[in-house]
Amino acid sequence: MNRAAVVAASLLSLACAALAAAAEPAALPADRLVFALVSMKSLYTDGPDAGANKSNLEANLKRHLDFVDRAAAAGAEFVGFPEMSVSGYHFSANTTWLRLDGPEVKALARKAAEKKVAIGAGIAEQDAAGKRWNTQFVVGPDGALAGWHHKIWLTKEKGVVEPGADHNVFEIKGVKTGIVTCADGSDFANLQALADGGARILYGPHCNTTGGTTAGWYRFRAKWGGPWDGGTAMAKTNNDGPEASMPSGGWIARLKVHAALVNQAGLYDPALAPPGPDANTGWAGGAWFLGPDGRTLAQAPASAQKSDSRECVLMCEIPIAAPR
């Protein structure tokens, strides 16, 4: 079994709460990035009660910090959360808008510097010009903003936020990385643009229901995995079209990059659940690492049961100097 599989399997066999008591991790080779994906359940912050929105936001942020502590204790160098993980994926006239220089991002930046890890998370952003975005950002182990992405292919947030247009590439531990948020990953051109910009790792935060199961989500993203047979097919580039020719499968193998995909969970990890009932939000959950040949390096268990769409942490060592 390779090192990536060993790390992933060991974490999946433990309750998340046990990560805090993990033994001091062994020194890791300098040519590898230890990446942790956190499939987390988030509360919504767009309800009619501003006080409840504030409480939910604080609860989401606290759980981010707790997960980072646990992942860092297990040796993680990059902790990646799902799409809209801080804000919760739900948009309305009451959405709580955050800023990249606001207190929530600053709290994560302080934690990143404290633990010497990179952290990727998602917010409903309002920028200094008043424009609103679905934003995924990464703060580096020095606590500085390393990179960000504005979602391009809008779905439920369409009409509420601006569509992004950029394909930003940034470095974590010397490896160039790009972000592909949820539906952006259904247009091969977005992945291609990042790879053309030098990205060796594609971090894919999601918030999908796909029938409410992890098995459904892995099927939804099946084109990312496996070998590329040279075939192409026409597919949409956004909800309204137009279509474009794309590889029929094996997208990651076609680009010869690594991929780290994570989806919001519908249910809490029982060991970390707050008091009270745990209503399933419908998000499918799941986490998946792919190598540059399209093979699965590590994957949270697939299940056709909605009751299995629970929080998990999945870790994998990604070679920094993988050939393109």
C-alpha atoms as a PDB file:
ATOM      1  CA  MET A   1       0.000   0.000   0.000  1.00  0.00           C
ATOM      2  CA  ASN A   2       1.429   3.440  -0.910  1.00  0.00           C
ATOM      3  CA  ARG A   3       1.968   6.197   1.639  1.00  0.00           C
ATOM      4  CA  ALA A   4      -1.079   8.169   0.440  1.00  0.00           C
ATOM      5  CA  ALA A   5      -3.368   5.197   0.970  1.00  0.00           C
ATOM      6  CA  VAL A   6      -1.876   4.458   4.386  1.00  0.00           C
ATOM      7  CA  VAL A   7      -2.432   8.027   5.591  1.00  0.00           C
ATOM      8  CA  ALA A   8      -5.969   8.108   4.214  1.00  0.00           C
ATOM      9  CA  ALA A   9      -6.937   4.732   5.602  1.00  0.00           C
ATOM     10  CA  SER A  10      -5.571   5.506   9.031  1.00  0.00           C
ATOM     11  CA  LEU A  11      -7.593   8.700   9.269  1.00  0.00           C
ATOM     12  CA  LEU A  12     -10.781   7.170   7.999  1.00  0.00           C
ATOM     13  CA  SER A  13     -10.528   4.447  10.602  1.00  0.00           C
ATOM     14  CA  LEU A  14     -10.554   7.033  13.397  1.00  0.00           C
ATOM     15  CA  ALA A  15     -13.323   9.264  14.656  1.00  0.00           C
ATOM     16  CA  CYS A  16     -12.441  12.868  13.901  1.00  0.00           C
ATOM     17  CA  ALA A  17     -12.357  13.578  17.627  1.00  0.00           C
ATOM     18  CA  ALA A  18      -9.510  11.140  18.021  1.00  0.00           C
ATOM     19  CA  LEU A  19      -7.310  13.154  15.689  1.00  0.00           C
ATOM     20  CA  ALA A  20      -6.642  15.641  18.471  1.00  0.00           C
ATOM     21  CA  ALA A  21      -4.875  12.902  20.396  1.00  0.00           C
ATOM     22  CA  ALA A  22      -2.896  11.614  17.421  1.00  0.00           C
ATOM     23  CA  ALA A  23       0.764  10.854  17.981  1.00  0.00           C
ATOM     24  CA  GLU A  24       3.292  13.441  16.834  1.00  0.00           C
ATOM     25  CA  PRO A  25       3.573  12.842  13.065  1.00  0.00           C
ATOM     26  CA  ALA A  26       6.871  11.601  11.685  1.00  0.00           C
ATOM     27  CA  ALA A  27       8.973  14.014   9.657  1.00  0.00           C
ATOM     28  CA  LEU A  28       7.788  14.009   6.065  1.00  0.00           C
ATOM     29  CA  PRO A  29       9.877  14.343   2.897  1.00  0.00           C
ATOM     30  CA  ALA A  30      10.329  17.904   1.693  1.00  0.00           C
ATOM     31  CA  ASP A  31       9.178  16.895  -1.776  1.00  0.00           C
ATOM     32  CA  ARG A  32       5.623  16.055  -0.650  1.00  0.00           C
ATOM     33  CA  LEU A  33       2.638  18.132   0.448  1.00  0.00           C
ATOM     34  CA  VAL A  34       0.408  16.538   3.075  1.00  0.00           C
ATOM     35  CA  PHE A  35      -3.099  17.575   2.055  1.00  0.00           C
ATOM     36  CA  ALA A  36      -6.165  17.147   4.289  1.00  0.00           C
ATOM     37  CA  LEU A  37      -9.681  17.430   2.874  1.00  0.00           C
ATOM     38  CA  VAL A  38     -12.432  18.181   5.397  1.00  0.00           C
ATOM     39  CA  SER A  39     -15.933  17.235   4.292  1.00  0.00           C
ATOM     40  CA  MET A  40     -17.743  19.460   6.789  1.00  0.00           C
ATOM     41  CA  LYS A  41     -21.371  20.332   7.463  1.00  0.00           C
ATOM     42  CA  SER A  42     -22.009  24.089   7.617  1.00  0.00           C
ATOM     43  CA  LEU A  43     -24.889  26.093   9.060  1.00  0.00           C
ATOM     44  CA  TYR A  44     -26.602  28.744   6.930  1.00  0.00           C
ATOM     45  CA  THR A  45     -26.111  32.460   7.541  1.00  0.00           C
ATOM     46  CA  ASP A  46     -28.869  33.987   5.403  1.00  0.00           C
ATOM     47  CA  GLY A  47     -31.955  33.601   7.602  1.00  0.00           C
ATOM     48  CA  PRO A  48     -34.334  36.405   8.610  1.00  0.00           C
ATOM     49  CA  ASP A  49     -32.880  36.518  12.155  1.00  0.00           C
ATOM     50  CA  ALA A  50     -29.589  38.463  12.105  1.00  0.00           C
ATOM     51  CA  GLY A  51     -28.691  37.191  15.566  1.00  0.00           C
ATOM     52  CA  ALA A  52     -29.121  33.575  14.490  1.00  0.00           C
ATOM     53  CA  ASN A  53     -27.017  34.248  11.387  1.00  0.00           C
ATOM     54  CA  LYS A  54     -24.230  35.614  13.578  1.00  0.00           C
ATOM     55  CA  SER A  55     -24.395  32.600  15.886  1.00  0.00           C
ATOM     56  CA  ASN A  56     -24.288  30.191  12.941  1.00  0.00           C
ATOM     57  CA  LEU A  57     -21.338  32.038  11.437  1.00  0.00           C
ATOM     58  CA  GLU A  58     -19.452  31.843  14.732  1.00  0.00           C
ATOM     59  CA  ALA A  59     -20.259  28.134  15.031  1.00  0.00           C
ATOM     60  CA  ASN A  60     -19.019  27.442  11.493  1.00  0.00           C
ATOM     61  CA  LEU A  61     -15.809  29.347  12.130  1.00  0.00           C
ATOM     62  CA  LYS A  62     -15.148  27.567  15.424  1.00  0.00           C
ATOM     63  CA  ARG A  63     -15.568  24.188  13.749  1.00  0.00           C
ATOM     64  CA  HIS A  64     -13.091  25.209  11.028  1.00  0.00           C
ATOM     65  CA  LEU A  65     -10.535  26.043  13.695  1.00  0.00           C
ATOM     66  CA  ASP A  66     -11.181  22.761  15.508  1.00  0.00           C
ATOM     67  CA  PHE A  67     -10.783  20.717  12.323  1.00  0.00           C
ATOM     68  CA  VAL A  68      -7.540  22.541  11.493  1.00  0.00           C
ATOM     69  CA  ASP A  69      -6.161  21.740  14.952  1.00  0.00           C
ATOM     70  CA  ARG A  70      -6.946  18.050  14.482  1.00  0.00           C
ATOM     71  CA  ALA A  71      -5.625  17.843  10.928  1.00  0.00           C
ATOM     72  CA  ALA A  72      -2.441  19.723  11.828  1.00  0.00           C
ATOM     73  CA  ALA A  73      -1.877  17.339  14.751  1.00  0.00           C
ATOM     74  CA  ALA A  74      -2.016  14.475  12.249  1.00  0.00           C
ATOM     75  CA  GLY A  75       0.628  16.141  10.047  1.00  0.00           C
ATOM     76  CA  ALA A  76      -1.435  18.087   7.504  1.00  0.00           C
ATOM     77  CA  GLU A  77       0.228  20.998   5.695  1.00  0.00           C
ATOM     78  CA  PHE A  78      -2.829  22.074   3.667  1.00  0.00           C
ATOM     79  CA  VAL A  79      -6.349  21.813   5.093  1.00  0.00           C
ATOM     80  CA  GLY A  80      -9.024  22.242   2.424  1.00  0.00           C
ATOM     81  CA  PHE A  81     -12.709  22.804   3.238  1.00  0.00           C
ATOM     82  CA  PRO A  82     -15.720  22.683   0.859  1.00  0.00           C
ATOM     83  CA  GLU A  83     -17.392  25.468  -1.101  1.00  0.00           C
ATOM     84  CA  MET A  84     -19.025  28.169   1.077  1.00  0.00           C
ATOM     85  CA  SER A  85     -17.815  26.365   4.195  1.00  0.00           C
ATOM     86  CA  VAL A  86     -17.708  29.449   6.415  1.00  0.00           C
ATOM     87  CA  SER A  87     -20.972  31.018   5.204  1.00  0.00           C
ATOM     88  CA  GLY A  88     -22.979  27.895   4.391  1.00  0.00           C
ATOM     89  CA  TYR A  89     -24.238  27.442   0.831  1.00  0.00           C
ATOM     90  CA  HIS A  90     -27.543  29.321   0.823  1.00  0.00           C
ATOM     91  CA  PHE A  91     -28.233  32.726  -0.734  1.00  0.00           C
ATOM     92  CA  SER A  92     -31.090  35.150  -0.084  1.00  0.00           C
ATOM     93  CA  ALA A  93     -31.827  38.807   0.584  1.00  0.00           C
ATOM     94  CA  ASN A  94     -30.569  38.157   4.132  1.00  0.00           C
ATOM     95  CA  THR A  95     -27.168  36.730   3.195  1.00  0.00           C
ATOM     96  CA  THR A  96     -24.406  37.665   5.628  1.00  0.00           C
ATOM     97  CA  TRP A  97     -21.698  39.099   3.391  1.00  0.00           C
ATOM     98  CA  LEU A  98     -18.069  38.753   4.466  1.00  0.00           C
ATOM     99  CA  ARG A  99     -14.814  40.336   3.328  1.00  0.00           C
ATOM    100  CA  LEU A 100     -11.427  38.852   2.531  1.00  0.00           C
ATOM    101  CA  ASP A 101      -9.960  41.317   5.030  1.00  0.00           C
ATOM    102  CA  GLY A 102     -12.734  40.684   7.561  1.00  0.00           C
ATOM    103  CA  PRO A 103     -12.520  39.080  11.018  1.00  0.00           C
ATOM    104  CA  GLU A 104     -13.522  35.579   9.887  1.00  0.00           C
ATOM    105  CA  VAL A 105     -10.741  35.315   7.298  1.00  0.00           C
ATOM    106  CA  LYS A 106      -8.311  36.923   9.750  1.00  0.00           C
ATOM    107  CA  ALA A 107      -9.180  34.275  12.353  1.00  0.00           C
ATOM    108  CA  LEU A 108      -8.355  31.521   9.867  1.00  0.00           C
ATOM    109  CA  ALA A 109      -5.171  33.348   8.877  1.00  0.00           C
ATOM    110  CA  ARG A 110      -4.058  33.465  12.521  1.00  0.00           C
ATOM    111  CA  LYS A 111      -4.753  29.752  12.863  1.00  0.00           C
ATOM    112  CA  ALA A 112      -2.793  29.044   9.671  1.00  0.00           C
ATOM    113  CA  ALA A 113       0.204  30.934  11.036  1.00  0.00           C
ATOM    114  CA  GLU A 114      -0.132  29.292  14.466  1.00  0.00           C
ATOM    115  CA  LYS A 115      -0.198  25.772  13.023  1.00  0.00           C
ATOM    116  CA  LYS A 116       2.042  26.556  10.027  1.00  0.00           C
ATOM    117  CA  VAL A 117      -0.501  25.137   7.575  1.00  0.00           C
ATOM    118  CA  ALA A 118      -2.347  26.457   4.541  1.00  0.00           C
ATOM    119  CA  ILE A 119      -6.134  26.679   4.894  1.00  0.00           C
ATOM    120  CA  GLY A 120      -8.688  26.786   2.077  1.00  0.00           C
ATOM    121  CA  ALA A 121     -12.280  27.841   2.850  1.00  0.00           C
ATOM    122  CA  GLY A 122     -15.298  29.471   1.211  1.00  0.00           C
ATOM    123  CA  ILE A 123     -17.306  32.624   1.938  1.00  0.00           C
ATOM    124  CA  ALA A 124     -20.091  34.792   0.549  1.00  0.00           C
ATOM    125  CA  GLU A 125     -17.887  37.794  -0.219  1.00  0.00           C
ATOM    126  CA  GLN A 126     -18.648  41.467  -0.693  1.00  0.00           C
ATOM    127  CA  ASP A 127     -15.560  43.312  -1.890  1.00  0.00           C
ATOM    128  CA  ALA A 128     -14.493  46.907  -1.339  1.00  0.00           C
ATOM    129  CA  ALA A 129     -16.335  47.979  -4.491  1.00  0.00           C
ATOM    130  CA  GLY A 130     -19.579  46.429  -3.249  1.00  0.00           C
ATOM    131  CA  LYS A 131     -19.501  43.509  -5.693  1.00  0.00           C
ATOM    132  CA  ARG A 132     -20.586  40.146  -4.365  1.00  0.00           C
ATOM    133  CA  TRP A 133     -18.983  36.794  -5.080  1.00  0.00           C
ATOM    134  CA  ASN A 134     -18.932  33.113  -4.210  1.00  0.00           C
ATOM    135  CA  THR A 135     -15.289  33.087  -3.120  1.00  0.00           C
ATOM    136  CA  GLN A 136     -12.915  30.297  -2.190  1.00  0.00           C
ATOM    137  CA  PHE A 137      -9.663  31.514  -0.668  1.00  0.00           C
ATOM    138  CA  VAL A 138      -6.443  30.043   0.659  1.00  0.00           C
ATOM    139  CA  VAL A 139      -4.298  31.531   3.416  1.00  0.00           C
ATOM    140  CA  GLY A 140      -0.736  30.306   3.571  1.00  0.00           C
ATOM    141  CA  PRO A 141       1.259  28.981   6.530  1.00  0.00           C
ATOM    142  CA  ASP A 142       2.566  32.525   7.072  1.00  0.00           C
ATOM    143  CA  GLY A 143      -0.990  33.767   7.601  1.00  0.00           C
ATOM    144  CA  ALA A 144      -1.033  35.821   4.394  1.00  0.00           C
ATOM    145  CA  LEU A 145      -3.663  35.473   1.678  1.00  0.00           C
ATOM    146  CA  ALA A 146      -2.067  33.096  -0.831  1.00  0.00           C
ATOM    147  CA  GLY A 147      -4.810  32.894  -3.447  1.00  0.00           C
ATOM    148  CA  TRP A 148      -8.519  33.116  -4.168  1.00  0.00           C
ATOM    149  CA  HIS A 149     -11.099  32.162  -6.776  1.00  0.00           C
ATOM    150  CA  HIS A 150     -14.469  33.651  -7.720  1.00  0.00           C
ATOM    151  CA  LYS A 151     -16.838  30.940  -8.900  1.00  0.00           C
ATOM    152  CA  ILE A 152     -17.420  31.178 -12.649  1.00  0.00           C
ATOM    153  CA  TRP A 153     -20.286  28.784 -13.407  1.00  0.00           C
ATOM    154  CA  LEU A 154     -23.045  30.043 -11.141  1.00  0.00           C
ATOM    155  CA  THR A 155     -25.953  27.845 -10.030  1.00  0.00           C
ATOM    156  CA  LYS A 156     -28.177  28.684  -7.021  1.00  0.00           C
ATOM    157  CA  GLU A 157     -26.257  31.928  -6.489  1.00  0.00           C
ATOM    158  CA  LYS A 158     -26.898  33.186 -10.029  1.00  0.00           C
ATOM    159  CA  GLY A 159     -28.393  36.666  -9.953  1.00  0.00           C
ATOM    160  CA  VAL A 160     -27.089  37.250  -6.436  1.00  0.00           C
ATOM    161  CA  VAL A 161     -23.332  37.232  -7.046  1.00  0.00           C
ATOM    162  CA  GLU A 162     -21.095  38.204  -9.942  1.00  0.00           C
ATOM    163  CA  PRO A 163     -19.668  35.463 -12.161  1.00  0.00           C
ATOM    164  CA  GLY A 164     -15.906  35.105 -11.895  1.00  0.00           C
ATOM    165  CA  ALA A 165     -13.604  35.123 -14.892  1.00  0.00           C
ATOM    166  CA  ASP A 166     -10.070  34.593 -13.587  1.00  0.00           C
ATOM    167  CA  HIS A 167      -8.049  31.399 -13.211  1.00  0.00           C
ATOM    168  CA  ASN A 168      -5.617  32.338 -10.465  1.00  0.00           C
ATOM    169  CA  VAL A 169      -2.620  30.141  -9.707  1.00  0.00           C
ATOM    170  CA  PHE A 170      -0.673  30.450  -6.450  1.00  0.00           C
ATOM    171  CA  GLU A 171       2.013  28.518  -4.597  1.00  0.00           C
ATOM    172  CA  ILE A 172       1.790  26.425  -1.440  1.00  0.00           C
ATOM    173  CA  LYS A 173       5.071  24.836  -0.320  1.00  0.00           C
ATOM    174  CA  GLY A 174       6.464  25.717  -3.731  1.00  0.00           C
ATOM    175  CA  VAL A 175       3.813  23.805  -5.690  1.00  0.00           C
ATOM    176  CA  LYS A 176       1.526  25.772  -7.987  1.00  0.00           C
ATOM    177  CA  THR A 177      -2.140  25.300  -7.128  1.00  0.00           C
ATOM    178  CA  GLY A 178      -5.469  26.425  -8.580  1.00  0.00           C
ATOM    179  CA  ILE A 179      -9.077  26.343  -7.398  1.00  0.00           C
ATOM    180  CA  VAL A 180     -12.017  24.842  -9.301  1.00  0.00           C
ATOM    181  CA  THR A 181     -15.227  25.591  -7.402  1.00  0.00           C
ATOM    182  CA  CYS A 182     -18.082  23.111  -7.808  1.00  0.00           C
ATOM    183  CA  ALA A 183     -19.834  23.656 -11.178  1.00  0.00           C
ATOM    184  CA  ASP A 184     -16.645  25.214 -12.584  1.00  0.00           C
ATOM    185  CA  GLY A 185     -15.407  21.627 -12.616  1.00  0.00           C
ATOM    186  CA  SER A 186     -18.023  20.653 -15.205  1.00  0.00           C
ATOM    187  CA  ASP A 187     -16.265  22.757 -17.865  1.00  0.00           C
ATOM    188  CA  PHE A 188     -12.940  21.213 -18.861  1.00  0.00           C
ATOM    189  CA  ALA A 189     -11.746  24.625 -20.059  1.00  0.00           C
ATOM    190  CA  ASN A 190     -11.524  25.824 -16.445  1.00  0.00           C
ATOM    191  CA  LEU A 191      -9.246  22.938 -15.497  1.00  0.00           C
ATOM    192  CA  GLN A 192      -7.226  23.430 -18.679  1.00  0.00           C
ATOM    193  CA  ALA A 193      -6.717  27.145 -17.963  1.00  0.00           C
ATOM    194  CA  LEU A 194      -5.296  26.398 -14.523  1.00  0.00           C
ATOM    195  CA  ALA A 195      -3.006  23.675 -15.844  1.00  0.00           C
ATOM    196  CA  ASP A 196      -1.845  26.011 -18.625  1.00  0.00           C
ATOM    197  CA  GLY A 197      -1.046  28.537 -15.890  1.00  0.00           C
ATOM    198  CA  GLY A 198       1.275  26.020 -14.278  1.00  0.00           C
ATOM    199  CA  ALA A 199      -1.009  24.510 -11.617  1.00  0.00           C
ATOM    200  CA  ARG A 200       0.118  21.060 -10.471  1.00  0.00           C
ATOM    201  CA  ILE A 201      -2.710  20.632  -7.949  1.00  0.00           C
ATOM    202  CA  LEU A 202      -6.376  21.401  -8.614  1.00  0.00           C
ATOM    203  CA  TYR A 203      -8.274  21.992  -5.356  1.00  0.00           C
ATOM    204  CA  GLY A 204     -11.976  21.382  -6.016  1.00  0.00           C
ATOM    205  CA  PRO A 205     -14.336  22.562  -3.233  1.00  0.00           C
ATOM    206  CA  HIS A 206     -17.968  21.517  -3.832  1.00  0.00           C
ATOM    207  CA  CYS A 207     -21.449  21.828  -2.385  1.00  0.00           C
ATOM    208  CA  ASN A 208     -23.510  19.226  -4.270  1.00  0.00           C
ATOM    209  CA  THR A 209     -26.551  17.146  -3.412  1.00  0.00           C
ATOM    210  CA  THR A 210     -26.329  14.586  -6.278  1.00  0.00           C
ATOM    211  CA  GLY A 211     -29.101  12.524  -4.699  1.00  0.00           C
ATOM    212  CA  GLY A 212     -27.739  13.124  -1.195  1.00  0.00           C
ATOM    213  CA  THR A 213     -25.166  10.299  -1.354  1.00  0.00           C
ATOM    214  CA  THR A 214     -21.416  10.079  -1.681  1.00  0.00           C
ATOM    215  CA  ALA A 215     -21.814   7.454  -4.403  1.00  0.00           C
ATOM    216  CA  GLY A 216     -23.912   9.913  -6.380  1.00  0.00           C
ATOM    217  CA  TRP A 217     -21.291  12.626  -6.016  1.00  0.00           C
ATOM    218  CA  TYR A 218     -18.462  10.400  -7.198  1.00  0.00           C
ATOM    219  CA  ARG A 219     -20.549   9.507 -10.262  1.00  0.00           C
ATOM    220  CA  PHE A 220     -21.190  13.216 -10.851  1.00  0.00           C
ATOM    221  CA  ARG A 221     -17.432  13.879 -10.974  1.00  0.00           C
ATOM    222  CA  ALA A 222     -16.511  10.617 -12.740  1.00  0.00           C
ATOM    223  CA  LYS A 223     -15.080  12.451 -15.772  1.00  0.00           C
ATOM    224  CA  TRP A 224     -12.222  13.696 -13.622  1.00  0.00           C
ATOM    225  CA  GLY A 225     -10.938  10.191 -12.902  1.00  0.00           C
ATOM    226  CA  GLY A 226      -9.600   7.295 -14.917  1.00  0.00           C
ATOM    227  CA  PRO A 227      -7.472   7.251 -18.058  1.00  0.00           C
ATOM    228  CA  TRP A 228      -8.162   9.404 -21.094  1.00  0.00           C
ATOM    229  CA  ASP A 229      -8.850   7.316 -24.182  1.00  0.00           C
ATOM    230  CA  GLY A 230      -8.480  10.215 -26.614  1.00  0.00           C
ATOM    231  CA  GLY A 231     -12.226  10.597 -27.090  1.00  0.00           C
ATOM    232  CA  THR A 232     -14.189  13.852 -26.951  1.00  0.00           C
ATOM    233  CA  ALA A 233     -17.821  14.813 -26.414  1.00  0.00           C
ATOM    234  CA  MET A 234     -19.918  17.968 -26.482  1.00  0.00           C
ATOM    235  CA  ALA A 235     -20.928  19.304 -23.071  1.00  0.00           C
ATOM    236  CA  LYS A 236     -22.335  22.480 -21.536  1.00  0.00           C
ATOM    237  CA  THR A 237     -20.041  25.254 -20.360  1.00  0.00           C
ATOM    238  CA  ASN A 238     -22.697  26.746 -18.052  1.00  0.00           C
ATOM    239  CA  ASN A 239     -26.352  26.128 -17.207  1.00  0.00           C
ATOM    240  CA  ASP A 240     -27.557  28.031 -20.268  1.00  0.00           C
ATOM    241  CA  GLY A 241     -24.974  26.736 -22.724  1.00  0.00           C
ATOM    242  CA  PRO A 242     -23.254  26.961 -25.125  1.00  0.00           C
ATOM    243  CA  GLU A 243     -21.733  23.533 -25.535  1.00  0.00           C
ATOM    244  CA  ALA A 244     -18.071  22.870 -26.272  1.00  0.00           C
ATOM    245  CA  SER A 245     -15.956  19.872 -27.170  1.00  0.00           C
ATOM    246  CA  MET A 246     -14.280  18.326 -24.119  1.00  0.00           C
ATOM    247  CA  PRO A 247     -12.492  15.066 -23.315  1.00  0.00           C
ATOM    248  CA  SER A 248     -15.114  12.382 -22.752  1.00  0.00           C
ATOM    249  CA  GLY A 249     -13.355  11.314 -19.545  1.00  0.00           C
ATOM    250  CA  GLY A 250      -9.979  11.078 -17.852  1.00  0.00           C
ATOM    251  CA  TRP A 251      -9.730  14.838 -17.371  1.00  0.00           C
ATOM    252  CA  ILE A 252      -7.010  14.745 -14.721  1.00  0.00           C
ATOM    253  CA  ALA A 253      -4.990  12.188 -16.701  1.00  0.00           C
ATOM    254  CA  ARG A 254      -5.339  14.418 -19.777  1.00  0.00           C
ATOM    255  CA  LEU A 255      -3.822  17.333 -17.844  1.00  0.00           C
ATOM    256  CA  LYS A 256      -1.294  15.242 -15.847  1.00  0.00           C
ATOM    257  CA  VAL A 257      -1.992  17.043 -12.562  1.00  0.00           C
ATOM    258  CA  HIS A 258      -3.128  16.058  -9.068  1.00  0.00           C
ATOM    259  CA  ALA A 259      -6.660  16.783  -7.888  1.00  0.00           C
ATOM    260  CA  ALA A 260      -8.150  17.172  -4.408  1.00  0.00           C
ATOM    261  CA  LEU A 261     -11.963  17.292  -4.395  1.00  0.00           C
ATOM    262  CA  VAL A 262     -14.165  17.789  -1.341  1.00  0.00           C
ATOM    263  CA  ASN A 263     -17.921  18.194  -0.879  1.00  0.00           C
ATOM    264  CA  GLN A 264     -20.047  19.569   1.952  1.00  0.00           C
ATOM    265  CA  ALA A 265     -21.490  16.914   4.250  1.00  0.00           C
ATOM    266  CA  GLY A 266     -25.175  16.586   5.078  1.00  0.00           C
ATOM    267  CA  LEU A 267     -24.647  15.265   8.621  1.00  0.00           C
ATOM    268  CA  TYR A 268     -22.192  15.887  11.437  1.00  0.00           C
ATOM    269  CA  ASP A 269     -19.572  13.428  12.587  1.00  0.00           C
ATOM    270  CA  PRO A 270     -21.312  12.090  15.731  1.00  0.00           C
ATOM    271  CA  ALA A 271     -18.125  12.586  17.749  1.00  0.00           C
ATOM    272  CA  LEU A 272     -18.089  16.314  16.934  1.00  0.00           C
ATOM    273  CA  ALA A 273     -21.797  17.111  16.599  1.00  0.00           C
ATOM    274  CA  PRO A 274     -23.152  20.077  18.565  1.00  0.00           C
ATOM    275  CA  PRO A 275     -26.055  19.441  20.975  1.00  0.00           C
ATOM    276  CA  GLY A 276     -29.494  18.880  19.493  1.00  0.00           C
ATOM    277  CA  PRO A 277     -30.935  17.013  16.515  1.00  0.00           C
ATOM    278  CA  ASP A 278     -28.842  16.586  13.378  1.00  0.00           C
ATOM    279  CA  ALA A 279     -31.116  17.306  10.418  1.00  0.00           C
ATOM    280  CA  ASN A 280     -29.661  16.178   7.086  1.00  0.00           C
ATOM    281  CA  THR A 281     -29.071  19.226   4.866  1.00  0.00           C
ATOM    282  CA  GLY A 282     -28.993  17.016   1.768  1.00  0.00           C
ATOM    283  CA  TRP A 283     -25.394  17.689   0.788  1.00  0.00           C
ATOM    284  CA  ALA A 284     -23.815  14.468  -0.380  1.00  0.00           C
ATOM    285  CA  GLY A 285     -20.412  14.661   1.325  1.00  0.00           C
ATOM    286  CA  GLY A 286     -17.276  12.965   0.054  1.00  0.00           C
ATOM    287  CA  ALA A 287     -13.559  13.577  -0.518  1.00  0.00           C
ATOM    288  CA  TRP A 288     -11.333  12.306  -3.318  1.00  0.00           C
ATOM    289  CA  PHE A 289      -7.658  12.545  -4.335  1.00  0.00           C
ATOM    290  CA  LEU A 290      -6.577  11.750  -7.895  1.00  0.00           C
ATOM    291  CA  GLY A 291      -3.075  11.279  -9.288  1.00  0.00           C
ATOM    292  CA  PRO A 292      -1.793  12.591 -12.643  1.00  0.00           C
ATOM    293  CA  ASP A 293      -2.582   9.269 -14.307  1.00  0.00           C
ATOM    294  CA  GLY A 294      -6.228   9.559 -13.224  1.00  0.00           C
ATOM    295  CA  ARG A 295      -5.970   6.839 -10.598  1.00  0.00           C
ATOM    296  CA  THR A 296      -7.559   7.277  -7.185  1.00  0.00           C
ATOM    297  CA  LEU A 297      -4.956   7.932  -4.511  1.00  0.00           C
ATOM    298  CA  ALA A 298      -7.464   8.096  -1.659  1.00  0.00           C
ATOM    299  CA  GLN A 299     -11.236   8.384  -1.401  1.00  0.00           C
ATOM    300  CA  ALA A 300     -13.745   8.615   1.422  1.00  0.00           C
ATOM    301  CA  PRO A 301     -16.059   5.572   1.298  1.00  0.00           C
ATOM    302  CA  ALA A 302     -18.786   5.615  -1.342  1.00  0.00           C
ATOM    303  CA  SER A 303     -22.294   4.881  -0.107  1.00  0.00           C
ATOM    304  CA  ALA A 304     -25.770   4.917  -1.631  1.00  0.00           C
ATOM    305  CA  GLN A 305     -27.272   5.676   1.796  1.00  0.00           C
ATOM    306  CA  LYS A 306     -28.058   9.292   2.702  1.00  0.00           C
ATOM    307  CA  SER A 307     -27.369   8.488   6.335  1.00  0.00           C
ATOM    308  CA  ASP A 308     -23.700   7.936   5.410  1.00  0.00           C
ATOM    309  CA  SER A 309     -23.205  11.472   4.067  1.00  0.00           C
ATOM    310  CA  ARG A 310     -21.350  12.462   7.226  1.00  0.00           C
ATOM    311  CA  GLU A 311     -18.335  14.603   7.933  1.00  0.00           C
ATOM    312  CA  CYS A 312     -14.927  13.055   7.430  1.00  0.00           C
ATOM    313  CA  VAL A 313     -11.271  14.014   7.093  1.00  0.00           C
ATOM    314  CA  LEU A 314      -9.220  12.464   4.281  1.00  0.00           C
ATOM    315  CA  MET A 315      -5.450  12.915   3.999  1.00  0.00           C
ATOM    316  CA  CYS A 316      -2.995  12.217   1.220  1.00  0.00           C
ATOM    317  CA  GLU A 317       0.675  12.959   0.494  1.00  0.00           C
ATOM    318  CA  ILE A 318       0.988  14.654  -2.883  1.00  0.00           C
ATOM    319  CA  PRO A 319       4.409  14.653  -4.587  1.00  0.00           C
ATOM    320  CA  ILE A 320       5.437  18.232  -5.259  1.00  0.00           C
ATOM    321  CA  ALA A 321       7.702  17.495  -8.187  1.00  0.00           C
ATOM    322  CA  ALA A 322       5.292  15.276 -10.158  1.00  0.00           C
ATOM    323  CA  PRO A 323       6.123  15.437 -13.894  1.00  0.00           C
ATOM    324  CA  ARG A 324       3.703  17.081 -16.318  1.00  0.00           C
END
